[in-house]
Amino acid sequence: MNTEALIMMLTTQGLVTALTGYFFYRVLTTKPKAEPDSYTENDEEEERQAKN
């Protein structure tokens, strides 16, 4: 393998590894969005209480 091909391969592998690590880190550190609790909003509906 010539020098240019080796440099290209190592650069590509390094870039892919760095991007994968960056996005994995972002997934682990992102705070969850505050979503409304659909069950507490529907507590007064008779249809749901009949199933319990």
Protein backbone atom coordinates (compact mmCIF):
# COMPACT_ATOMS: atom_id res chain seq x y z
CA MET A 1 0.00 0.00 0.00
CA ASN A 2 1.45 3.35 -0.93
CA THR A 3 1.82 6.28 1.47
CA GLU A 4 -1.12 8.31 0.10
CA ALA A 5 -3.51 5.40 0.49
CA LEU A 6 -2.35 4.76 4.05
CA ILE A 7 -2.80 8.42 5.00
CA MET A 8 -6.27 8.48 3.42
CA MET A 9 -7.31 5.28 5.21
CA LEU A 10 -6.08 6.46 8.62
CA THR A 11 -7.66 9.90 8.17
CA THR A 12 -11.00 8.39 7.21
CA GLN A 13 -10.97 5.91 10.08
CA GLY A 14 -10.00 8.66 12.52
CA LEU A 15 -12.74 10.97 11.26
CA VAL A 16 -15.41 8.28 11.45
CA THR A 17 -14.29 7.27 14.95
CA ALA A 18 -14.26 10.90 16.14
CA LEU A 19 -17.73 11.61 14.74
CA THR A 20 -19.12 8.41 16.23
CA GLY A 21 -17.65 9.28 19.62
CA TYR A 22 -18.95 12.85 19.44
CA PHE A 23 -22.52 11.84 18.63
CA PHE A 24 -22.46 9.02 21.19
CA TYR A 25 -21.36 11.56 23.81
CA ARG A 26 -24.17 13.91 22.77
CA VAL A 27 -26.75 11.14 23.08
CA LEU A 28 -25.57 10.29 26.58
CA THR A 29 -25.43 13.89 27.84
CA THR A 30 -28.56 15.40 26.26
CA LYS A 31 -31.21 16.23 28.81
CA PRO A 32 -34.60 14.63 28.13
CA LYS A 33 -37.33 16.89 26.81
CA ALA A 34 -40.18 17.70 29.15
CA GLU A 35 -43.14 15.89 27.64
CA PRO A 36 -46.62 15.97 29.10
CA ASP A 37 -47.75 12.81 30.82
CA SER A 38 -50.58 11.53 28.67
CA TYR A 39 -51.88 9.27 31.43
CA THR A 40 -52.39 12.03 33.99
CA GLU A 41 -54.19 14.15 31.38
CA ASN A 42 -56.67 11.33 30.71
CA ASP A 43 -57.42 10.35 34.31
CA GLU A 44 -60.93 11.79 34.20
CA GLU A 45 -62.03 9.81 31.14
CA GLU A 46 -64.43 7.03 32.06
CA GLU A 47 -63.22 4.71 29.31
CA ARG A 48 -59.76 4.40 30.90
CA GLN A 49 -61.06 3.89 34.40
CA ALA A 50 -63.41 1.13 33.27
CA LYS A 51 -60.41 -0.96 32.08
CA ASN A 52 -58.70 -0.81 35.48
